[in-house]
Every structure is written in structure tokens, then in C-alpha cells.
Amino acid sequence: MDIRKLPDLTPAQVVALMDALLANADTLLTTALTVLEKGQVPLARSLAILGMEESGKAIAVHERRVEMTAAPDGEPFRCAALDQLWGSHHRKLEKVYDFLEEGAECEDALTQLAAVNKAINRGGYALVATGLHQCLTEEGPNSVDTKKLEKLFLALA
């Protein structure tokens, strides 16, 4: 089986996949913050990016679940868009960006994507924190643009 593509999934497997993706994202982002506190900036950044990618996959799975409500009976959950996303780091991160830019469009999406939003927020803070830590340790405190940093943190709020 190609690991860059989803297998055919039953509805129960789709729900389990969504739960697993959100749990993975949360674990990766929590671990990123922990290793950042220990000064391991490159590892923290990598873990944060992986957590964001898991969030992007969860967003895509949720969007496909919504599409499936209007799909004809018998249509498989797996589709070309998911296969393309699964194999692309850029597309997964783009899903996160689009989610943040557009926001959820209905109350159901808000409820189901609350965990994704939490994971994304953690990832954003972890990425900003790793960048700040790297600037301070490599270039010194005078290298940090406080206005720019303030804008980054406010954008996450």
C-alpha cells in the first residue's frame, strides 16, 4: 500500500482517523513545546511543523466528511484531492492556512474543528517561540524586532 494515499475507509474508520490525526497533532505540538523548553530549537520546530501537517490532514478529512453528506450512495470516502494532499507537505500546511484565513462556515464545523484549532494555535505559538529562541541564542537580544514579534503574537490571539 502506498503510504502517501488513504486506503478505502468505512465511516467508522473515518471517524477513528480524524480522532487519531487530532491526537497526533496534539501530541506533536505538546512535545514541541516541551523540547523547546529544553533548548532543542531545531527539533521543536520540526515537531511543530509535523503537528501542523497532522492538523491539515484532519481539516481535509473533516471537509471530505462534509462533502460526503451530499454524495451519492456508494461513493468512496477516498478521493483524488485527499490523495494529493496526503503526499504533499505544502498542501497540508496550506489547509491549515486556509482554515485560519477563512474560518469555519457553520456551527457544526466549529464544533468538530475545535480540536484542530487548539492544535493549530499550539503549533503557531511553538513556531514563534522556536524562532524567538533561535534569534536570541544565535544573534543576541538586539536582533529581535519587538514590534514584529508583537504582531506575530497578536495574530495568534
N, C-alpha and C. Protein backbone atom coordinates (compact mmCIF):
# COMPACT_ATOMS: atom_id res chain seq x y z
N MET A 1 0.85 -1.19 0.00
CA MET A 1 0.00 0.00 0.00
C MET A 1 0.88 1.24 0.00
N ASP A 2 0.56 2.21 -0.81
CA ASP A 2 1.26 3.48 -0.87
C ASP A 2 0.90 4.29 0.37
N ILE A 3 1.89 4.62 1.20
CA ILE A 3 1.61 5.34 2.43
C ILE A 3 1.24 6.79 2.19
N ARG A 4 1.37 7.25 0.98
CA ARG A 4 1.01 8.62 0.67
C ARG A 4 -0.44 8.74 0.20
N LYS A 5 -1.17 7.64 0.25
CA LYS A 5 -2.57 7.64 -0.14
C LYS A 5 -3.39 6.95 0.93
N LEU A 6 -4.60 7.40 1.08
CA LEU A 6 -5.51 6.77 2.02
C LEU A 6 -6.05 5.47 1.45
N PRO A 7 -6.27 4.48 2.28
CA PRO A 7 -6.99 3.30 1.82
C PRO A 7 -8.48 3.63 1.76
N ASP A 8 -9.27 2.73 1.20
CA ASP A 8 -10.72 2.91 1.26
C ASP A 8 -11.13 2.76 2.72
N LEU A 9 -11.97 3.65 3.20
CA LEU A 9 -12.34 3.67 4.61
C LEU A 9 -13.85 3.56 4.81
N THR A 10 -14.24 2.87 5.85
CA THR A 10 -15.64 2.83 6.26
C THR A 10 -15.92 4.11 7.06
N PRO A 11 -17.19 4.46 7.26
CA PRO A 11 -17.49 5.64 8.09
C PRO A 11 -16.86 5.57 9.48
N ALA A 12 -16.89 4.40 10.10
CA ALA A 12 -16.28 4.26 11.43
C ALA A 12 -14.77 4.49 11.37
N GLN A 13 -14.14 4.02 10.31
CA GLN A 13 -12.70 4.22 10.16
C GLN A 13 -12.37 5.70 9.92
N VAL A 14 -13.25 6.41 9.24
CA VAL A 14 -13.04 7.83 9.00
C VAL A 14 -13.06 8.59 10.33
N VAL A 15 -14.02 8.26 11.17
CA VAL A 15 -14.10 8.91 12.50
C VAL A 15 -12.85 8.58 13.31
N ALA A 16 -12.43 7.32 13.29
CA ALA A 16 -11.23 6.92 14.02
C ALA A 16 -9.99 7.64 13.47
N LEU A 17 -9.92 7.80 12.15
CA LEU A 17 -8.81 8.51 11.53
C LEU A 17 -8.77 9.95 12.00
N MET A 18 -9.92 10.61 12.00
CA MET A 18 -9.98 12.01 12.43
C MET A 18 -9.51 12.14 13.88
N ASP A 19 -9.99 11.24 14.73
CA ASP A 19 -9.57 11.26 16.14
C ASP A 19 -8.07 11.04 16.27
N ALA A 20 -7.54 10.10 15.49
CA ALA A 20 -6.10 9.81 15.55
C ALA A 20 -5.27 11.00 15.05
N LEU A 21 -5.71 11.63 13.98
CA LEU A 21 -4.99 12.79 13.46
C LEU A 21 -4.94 13.91 14.49
N LEU A 22 -6.07 14.17 15.13
CA LEU A 22 -6.11 15.23 16.14
C LEU A 22 -5.24 14.88 17.35
N ALA A 23 -5.27 13.62 17.76
CA ALA A 23 -4.43 13.20 18.88
C ALA A 23 -2.95 13.31 18.51
N ASN A 24 -2.60 12.90 17.29
CA ASN A 24 -1.21 13.02 16.83
C ASN A 24 -0.77 14.48 16.81
N ALA A 25 -1.62 15.35 16.28
CA ALA A 25 -1.28 16.78 16.22
C ALA A 25 -1.05 17.32 17.62
N ASP A 26 -1.94 17.00 18.53
CA ASP A 26 -1.81 17.49 19.90
C ASP A 26 -0.53 16.98 20.55
N THR A 27 -0.23 15.70 20.37
CA THR A 27 0.98 15.12 20.95
C THR A 27 2.24 15.76 20.36
N LEU A 28 2.27 15.91 19.05
CA LEU A 28 3.44 16.51 18.41
C LEU A 28 3.65 17.95 18.87
N LEU A 29 2.57 18.71 18.96
CA LEU A 29 2.70 20.12 19.34
C LEU A 29 3.03 20.28 20.82
N THR A 30 2.49 19.43 21.66
CA THR A 30 2.83 19.46 23.09
C THR A 30 4.30 19.08 23.27
N THR A 31 4.74 18.07 22.54
CA THR A 31 6.14 17.66 22.62
C THR A 31 7.06 18.75 22.08
N ALA A 32 6.64 19.46 21.05
CA ALA A 32 7.44 20.56 20.52
C ALA A 32 7.68 21.62 21.60
N LEU A 33 6.65 21.94 22.34
CA LEU A 33 6.80 22.93 23.42
C LEU A 33 7.72 22.41 24.52
N THR A 34 7.62 21.12 24.82
CA THR A 34 8.47 20.53 25.87
C THR A 34 9.94 20.56 25.46
N VAL A 35 10.24 20.14 24.24
CA VAL A 35 11.65 20.12 23.82
C VAL A 35 12.17 21.54 23.61
N LEU A 36 11.30 22.47 23.28
CA LEU A 36 11.72 23.87 23.17
C LEU A 36 12.19 24.38 24.53
N GLU A 37 11.46 24.02 25.57
CA GLU A 37 11.85 24.43 26.93
C GLU A 37 13.22 23.87 27.30
N LYS A 38 13.61 22.78 26.68
CA LYS A 38 14.92 22.18 26.95
C LYS A 38 15.99 22.71 26.01
N GLY A 39 15.62 23.69 25.19
CA GLY A 39 16.60 24.33 24.32
C GLY A 39 16.87 23.63 23.01
N GLN A 40 16.06 22.66 22.65
CA GLN A 40 16.27 21.93 21.40
C GLN A 40 15.42 22.55 20.30
N VAL A 41 15.86 23.70 19.83
CA VAL A 41 15.07 24.51 18.90
C VAL A 41 14.81 23.80 17.57
N PRO A 42 15.81 23.23 16.90
CA PRO A 42 15.52 22.59 15.61
C PRO A 42 14.52 21.44 15.73
N LEU A 43 14.65 20.64 16.77
CA LEU A 43 13.71 19.53 16.97
C LEU A 43 12.32 20.07 17.26
N ALA A 44 12.23 21.11 18.08
CA ALA A 44 10.93 21.71 18.39
C ALA A 44 10.25 22.23 17.13
N ARG A 45 11.02 22.89 16.27
CA ARG A 45 10.46 23.41 15.02
C ARG A 45 9.95 22.28 14.13
N SER A 46 10.74 21.22 14.02
CA SER A 46 10.32 20.08 13.19
C SER A 46 9.05 19.44 13.73
N LEU A 47 8.98 19.24 15.04
CA LEU A 47 7.78 18.66 15.64
C LEU A 47 6.57 19.55 15.46
N ALA A 48 6.76 20.86 15.58
CA ALA A 48 5.65 21.79 15.40
C ALA A 48 5.13 21.74 13.96
N ILE A 49 6.02 21.66 13.00
CA ILE A 49 5.60 21.57 11.60
C ILE A 49 4.85 20.26 11.35
N LEU A 50 5.36 19.17 11.90
CA LEU A 50 4.65 17.89 11.75
C LEU A 50 3.27 17.95 12.39
N GLY A 51 3.17 18.61 13.53
CA GLY A 51 1.87 18.76 14.18
C GLY A 51 0.91 19.58 13.34
N MET A 52 1.43 20.61 12.69
CA MET A 52 0.59 21.42 11.80
C MET A 52 0.14 20.59 10.60
N GLU A 53 1.03 19.73 10.09
CA GLU A 53 0.64 18.88 8.97
C GLU A 53 -0.48 17.91 9.37
N GLU A 54 -0.39 17.34 10.56
CA GLU A 54 -1.45 16.46 11.04
C GLU A 54 -2.76 17.24 11.15
N SER A 55 -2.68 18.49 11.59
CA SER A 55 -3.87 19.34 11.66
C SER A 55 -4.45 19.57 10.27
N GLY A 56 -3.57 19.78 9.29
CA GLY A 56 -4.02 19.97 7.91
C GLY A 56 -4.74 18.74 7.38
N LYS A 57 -4.23 17.55 7.72
CA LYS A 57 -4.91 16.32 7.30
C LYS A 57 -6.27 16.21 7.97
N ALA A 58 -6.35 16.57 9.25
CA ALA A 58 -7.63 16.50 9.97
C ALA A 58 -8.65 17.46 9.35
N ILE A 59 -8.21 18.64 8.97
CA ILE A 59 -9.10 19.60 8.32
C ILE A 59 -9.61 19.02 7.00
N ALA A 60 -8.71 18.43 6.22
CA ALA A 60 -9.11 17.86 4.92
C ALA A 60 -10.08 16.71 5.11
N VAL A 61 -9.87 15.87 6.11
CA VAL A 61 -10.79 14.76 6.37
C VAL A 61 -12.16 15.31 6.77
N HIS A 62 -12.16 16.33 7.61
CA HIS A 62 -13.44 16.93 8.00
C HIS A 62 -14.17 17.50 6.77
N GLU A 63 -13.46 18.21 5.93
CA GLU A 63 -14.09 18.79 4.73
C GLU A 63 -14.66 17.69 3.84
N ARG A 64 -13.95 16.58 3.72
CA ARG A 64 -14.45 15.46 2.91
C ARG A 64 -15.68 14.85 3.56
N ARG A 65 -15.70 14.77 4.89
CA ARG A 65 -16.90 14.25 5.58
C ARG A 65 -18.10 15.12 5.27
N VAL A 66 -17.90 16.43 5.24
CA VAL A 66 -19.00 17.34 4.92
C VAL A 66 -19.45 17.11 3.48
N GLU A 67 -18.49 16.96 2.54
CA GLU A 67 -18.83 16.69 1.14
C GLU A 67 -19.62 15.40 1.00
N MET A 68 -19.29 14.41 1.79
CA MET A 68 -19.92 13.10 1.68
C MET A 68 -21.41 13.14 2.05
N THR A 69 -21.84 14.16 2.79
CA THR A 69 -23.26 14.23 3.14
C THR A 69 -24.12 14.46 1.91
N ALA A 70 -23.55 15.04 0.85
CA ALA A 70 -24.30 15.30 -0.37
C ALA A 70 -23.90 14.34 -1.50
N ALA A 71 -23.01 13.42 -1.21
CA ALA A 71 -22.53 12.49 -2.24
C ALA A 71 -23.53 11.36 -2.45
N PRO A 72 -23.57 10.82 -3.66
CA PRO A 72 -24.46 9.68 -3.91
C PRO A 72 -24.03 8.46 -3.08
N ASP A 73 -24.99 7.61 -2.76
CA ASP A 73 -24.68 6.39 -2.01
C ASP A 73 -23.64 5.58 -2.75
N GLY A 74 -22.73 5.02 -1.98
CA GLY A 74 -21.71 4.16 -2.56
C GLY A 74 -20.44 4.88 -2.97
N GLU A 75 -20.43 6.20 -2.94
CA GLU A 75 -19.20 6.92 -3.31
C GLU A 75 -18.16 6.69 -2.22
N PRO A 76 -16.94 6.30 -2.62
CA PRO A 76 -15.91 6.04 -1.60
C PRO A 76 -15.45 7.34 -0.93
N PHE A 77 -15.01 7.21 0.29
CA PHE A 77 -14.50 8.37 1.03
C PHE A 77 -13.22 8.90 0.38
N ARG A 78 -12.35 7.99 0.01
CA ARG A 78 -11.09 8.37 -0.61
C ARG A 78 -11.36 9.09 -1.92
N CYS A 79 -10.60 10.14 -2.17
CA CYS A 79 -10.75 10.88 -3.43
C CYS A 79 -9.39 11.41 -3.86
N ALA A 80 -9.31 11.90 -5.07
CA ALA A 80 -8.04 12.39 -5.61
C ALA A 80 -7.48 13.55 -4.78
N ALA A 81 -8.37 14.43 -4.31
CA ALA A 81 -7.91 15.59 -3.54
C ALA A 81 -7.22 15.14 -2.24
N LEU A 82 -7.78 14.14 -1.58
CA LEU A 82 -7.14 13.64 -0.36
C LEU A 82 -5.82 12.94 -0.68
N ASP A 83 -5.80 12.17 -1.75
CA ASP A 83 -4.56 11.50 -2.14
C ASP A 83 -3.46 12.53 -2.43
N GLN A 84 -3.81 13.60 -3.12
CA GLN A 84 -2.83 14.63 -3.43
C GLN A 84 -2.35 15.32 -2.16
N LEU A 85 -3.27 15.60 -1.25
CA LEU A 85 -2.91 16.26 0.00
C LEU A 85 -2.02 15.36 0.84
N TRP A 86 -2.35 14.07 0.92
CA TRP A 86 -1.61 13.14 1.77
C TRP A 86 -0.14 13.09 1.39
N GLY A 87 0.17 13.27 0.12
CA GLY A 87 1.55 13.18 -0.34
C GLY A 87 2.27 14.51 -0.43
N SER A 88 1.68 15.58 0.08
CA SER A 88 2.28 16.90 -0.10
C SER A 88 2.34 17.67 1.22
N HIS A 89 3.56 17.95 1.66
CA HIS A 89 3.74 18.76 2.87
C HIS A 89 3.09 20.13 2.66
N HIS A 90 3.32 20.70 1.50
CA HIS A 90 2.82 22.04 1.20
C HIS A 90 1.30 22.10 1.28
N ARG A 91 0.63 21.13 0.71
CA ARG A 91 -0.85 21.13 0.71
C ARG A 91 -1.42 20.98 2.11
N LYS A 92 -0.77 20.19 2.94
CA LYS A 92 -1.25 20.02 4.32
C LYS A 92 -1.14 21.34 5.08
N LEU A 93 -0.01 22.01 4.93
CA LEU A 93 0.16 23.30 5.61
C LEU A 93 -0.75 24.36 5.01
N GLU A 94 -0.99 24.26 3.72
CA GLU A 94 -1.90 25.19 3.05
C GLU A 94 -3.33 25.04 3.60
N LYS A 95 -3.73 23.81 3.92
CA LYS A 95 -5.05 23.57 4.52
C LYS A 95 -5.17 24.31 5.85
N VAL A 96 -4.11 24.27 6.64
CA VAL A 96 -4.12 24.98 7.92
C VAL A 96 -4.24 26.48 7.68
N TYR A 97 -3.46 26.98 6.74
CA TYR A 97 -3.51 28.40 6.42
C TYR A 97 -4.91 28.81 5.96
N ASP A 98 -5.48 28.05 5.05
CA ASP A 98 -6.83 28.35 4.55
C ASP A 98 -7.85 28.32 5.68
N PHE A 99 -7.71 27.35 6.57
CA PHE A 99 -8.63 27.24 7.71
C PHE A 99 -8.56 28.51 8.56
N LEU A 100 -7.34 28.98 8.80
CA LEU A 100 -7.18 30.18 9.63
C LEU A 100 -7.69 31.43 8.91
N GLU A 101 -7.47 31.50 7.62
CA GLU A 101 -7.90 32.67 6.85
C GLU A 101 -9.41 32.73 6.68
N GLU A 102 -10.02 31.59 6.35
CA GLU A 102 -11.44 31.56 6.02
C GLU A 102 -12.32 31.32 7.23
N GLY A 103 -11.81 30.58 8.20
CA GLY A 103 -12.62 30.23 9.37
C GLY A 103 -13.66 29.20 8.98
N ALA A 104 -14.29 28.65 9.97
CA ALA A 104 -15.33 27.66 9.73
C ALA A 104 -16.61 28.35 9.25
N GLU A 105 -17.38 27.64 8.43
CA GLU A 105 -18.56 28.26 7.81
C GLU A 105 -19.87 27.91 8.49
N CYS A 106 -19.88 27.01 9.46
CA CYS A 106 -21.13 26.68 10.13
C CYS A 106 -20.84 26.20 11.54
N GLU A 107 -21.89 26.12 12.36
CA GLU A 107 -21.72 25.72 13.75
C GLU A 107 -21.18 24.30 13.87
N ASP A 108 -21.63 23.40 13.01
CA ASP A 108 -21.12 22.02 13.07
C ASP A 108 -19.62 21.98 12.85
N ALA A 109 -19.15 22.75 11.90
CA ALA A 109 -17.72 22.78 11.64
C ALA A 109 -16.97 23.35 12.84
N LEU A 110 -17.54 24.37 13.47
CA LEU A 110 -16.90 24.93 14.66
C LEU A 110 -16.75 23.88 15.75
N THR A 111 -17.79 23.11 15.95
CA THR A 111 -17.75 22.08 16.98
C THR A 111 -16.71 21.02 16.66
N GLN A 112 -16.74 20.51 15.43
CA GLN A 112 -15.85 19.42 15.06
C GLN A 112 -14.41 19.86 14.89
N LEU A 113 -14.19 21.12 14.57
CA LEU A 113 -12.82 21.58 14.34
C LEU A 113 -12.21 22.31 15.54
N ALA A 114 -12.89 22.31 16.67
CA ALA A 114 -12.34 22.98 17.86
C ALA A 114 -10.99 22.37 18.24
N ALA A 115 -10.88 21.07 18.15
CA ALA A 115 -9.61 20.42 18.49
C ALA A 115 -8.53 20.78 17.48
N VAL A 116 -8.91 20.90 16.21
CA VAL A 116 -7.94 21.30 15.19
C VAL A 116 -7.44 22.70 15.50
N ASN A 117 -8.36 23.58 15.83
CA ASN A 117 -7.99 24.96 16.14
C ASN A 117 -7.03 25.02 17.32
N LYS A 118 -7.29 24.23 18.34
CA LYS A 118 -6.41 24.18 19.51
C LYS A 118 -5.02 23.72 19.09
N ALA A 119 -4.96 22.69 18.27
CA ALA A 119 -3.67 22.18 17.81
C ALA A 119 -2.94 23.22 16.96
N ILE A 120 -3.67 23.90 16.10
CA ILE A 120 -3.07 24.93 15.26
C ILE A 120 -2.51 26.06 16.10
N ASN A 121 -3.28 26.49 17.10
CA ASN A 121 -2.80 27.56 17.98
C ASN A 121 -1.52 27.15 18.69
N ARG A 122 -1.48 25.92 19.19
CA ARG A 122 -0.25 25.44 19.84
C ARG A 122 0.91 25.45 18.86
N GLY A 123 0.64 25.01 17.65
CA GLY A 123 1.70 24.99 16.64
C GLY A 123 2.21 26.38 16.33
N GLY A 124 1.29 27.33 16.20
CA GLY A 124 1.70 28.71 15.93
C GLY A 124 2.58 29.26 17.03
N TYR A 125 2.16 29.07 18.27
CA TYR A 125 2.96 29.54 19.40
C TYR A 125 4.32 28.84 19.43
N ALA A 126 4.32 27.55 19.16
CA ALA A 126 5.58 26.80 19.17
C ALA A 126 6.53 27.31 18.09
N LEU A 127 6.00 27.59 16.90
CA LEU A 127 6.86 28.10 15.82
C LEU A 127 7.40 29.48 16.13
N VAL A 128 6.56 30.35 16.67
CA VAL A 128 7.03 31.70 17.03
C VAL A 128 8.06 31.60 18.15
N ALA A 129 7.78 30.75 19.14
CA ALA A 129 8.70 30.59 20.26
C ALA A 129 10.05 30.02 19.81
N THR A 130 10.02 29.05 18.89
CA THR A 130 11.30 28.50 18.42
C THR A 130 12.08 29.54 17.63
N GLY A 131 11.38 30.33 16.85
CA GLY A 131 12.05 31.40 16.10
C GLY A 131 12.66 32.44 17.03
N LEU A 132 11.91 32.82 18.06
CA LEU A 132 12.41 33.80 19.02
C LEU A 132 13.62 33.25 19.76
N HIS A 133 13.52 32.01 20.21
CA HIS A 133 14.62 31.38 20.93
C HIS A 133 15.88 31.33 20.05
N GLN A 134 15.70 30.98 18.80
CA GLN A 134 16.84 30.90 17.89
C GLN A 134 17.46 32.27 17.68
N CYS A 135 16.64 33.29 17.51
CA CYS A 135 17.17 34.65 17.33
C CYS A 135 17.95 35.09 18.56
N LEU A 136 17.40 34.84 19.72
CA LEU A 136 18.06 35.27 20.96
C LEU A 136 19.37 34.54 21.19
N THR A 137 19.41 33.25 20.92
CA THR A 137 20.62 32.49 21.19
C THR A 137 21.69 32.68 20.11
N GLU A 138 21.28 32.83 18.88
CA GLU A 138 22.26 32.93 17.79
C GLU A 138 22.68 34.37 17.50
N GLU A 139 21.75 35.30 17.65
CA GLU A 139 22.05 36.67 17.22
C GLU A 139 22.01 37.69 18.36
N GLY A 140 21.56 37.28 19.54
CA GLY A 140 21.51 38.18 20.68
C GLY A 140 20.20 38.92 20.78
N PRO A 141 19.95 39.52 21.96
CA PRO A 141 18.66 40.18 22.22
C PRO A 141 18.38 41.38 21.32
N ASN A 142 19.40 42.04 20.82
CA ASN A 142 19.18 43.21 19.97
C ASN A 142 18.71 42.84 18.56
N SER A 143 18.76 41.55 18.22
CA SER A 143 18.36 41.12 16.88
C SER A 143 16.85 40.95 16.75
N VAL A 144 16.13 41.01 17.85
CA VAL A 144 14.69 40.77 17.83
C VAL A 144 13.94 42.08 17.58
N ASP A 145 13.11 42.08 16.54
CA ASP A 145 12.25 43.22 16.23
C ASP A 145 11.00 43.09 17.10
N THR A 146 10.93 43.85 18.17
CA THR A 146 9.83 43.68 19.13
C THR A 146 8.48 44.00 18.53
N LYS A 147 8.41 44.97 17.65
CA LYS A 147 7.12 45.30 17.00
C LYS A 147 6.64 44.14 16.13
N LYS A 148 7.54 43.57 15.37
CA LYS A 148 7.19 42.44 14.51
C LYS A 148 6.77 41.25 15.37
N LEU A 149 7.51 41.00 16.45
CA LEU A 149 7.18 39.91 17.34
C LEU A 149 5.81 40.12 17.98
N GLU A 150 5.53 41.34 18.38
CA GLU A 150 4.22 41.64 18.97
C GLU A 150 3.09 41.36 17.98
N LYS A 151 3.29 41.72 16.71
CA LYS A 151 2.28 41.46 15.69
C LYS A 151 2.07 39.96 15.50
N LEU A 152 3.16 39.18 15.52
CA LEU A 152 3.04 37.74 15.37
C LEU A 152 2.22 37.13 16.51
N PHE A 153 2.51 37.54 17.74
CA PHE A 153 1.76 37.00 18.87
C PHE A 153 0.30 37.46 18.84
N LEU A 154 0.04 38.70 18.46
CA LEU A 154 -1.33 39.17 18.38
C LEU A 154 -2.11 38.45 17.28
N ALA A 155 -1.41 38.09 16.21
CA ALA A 155 -2.07 37.34 15.13
C ALA A 155 -2.51 35.96 15.61
N LEU A 156 -1.82 35.41 16.60
CA LEU A 156 -2.19 34.11 17.14
C LEU A 156 -3.31 34.20 18.16
N ALA A 157 -3.53 35.38 18.73
CA ALA A 157 -4.52 35.53 19.80
C ALA A 157 -5.94 35.44 19.27
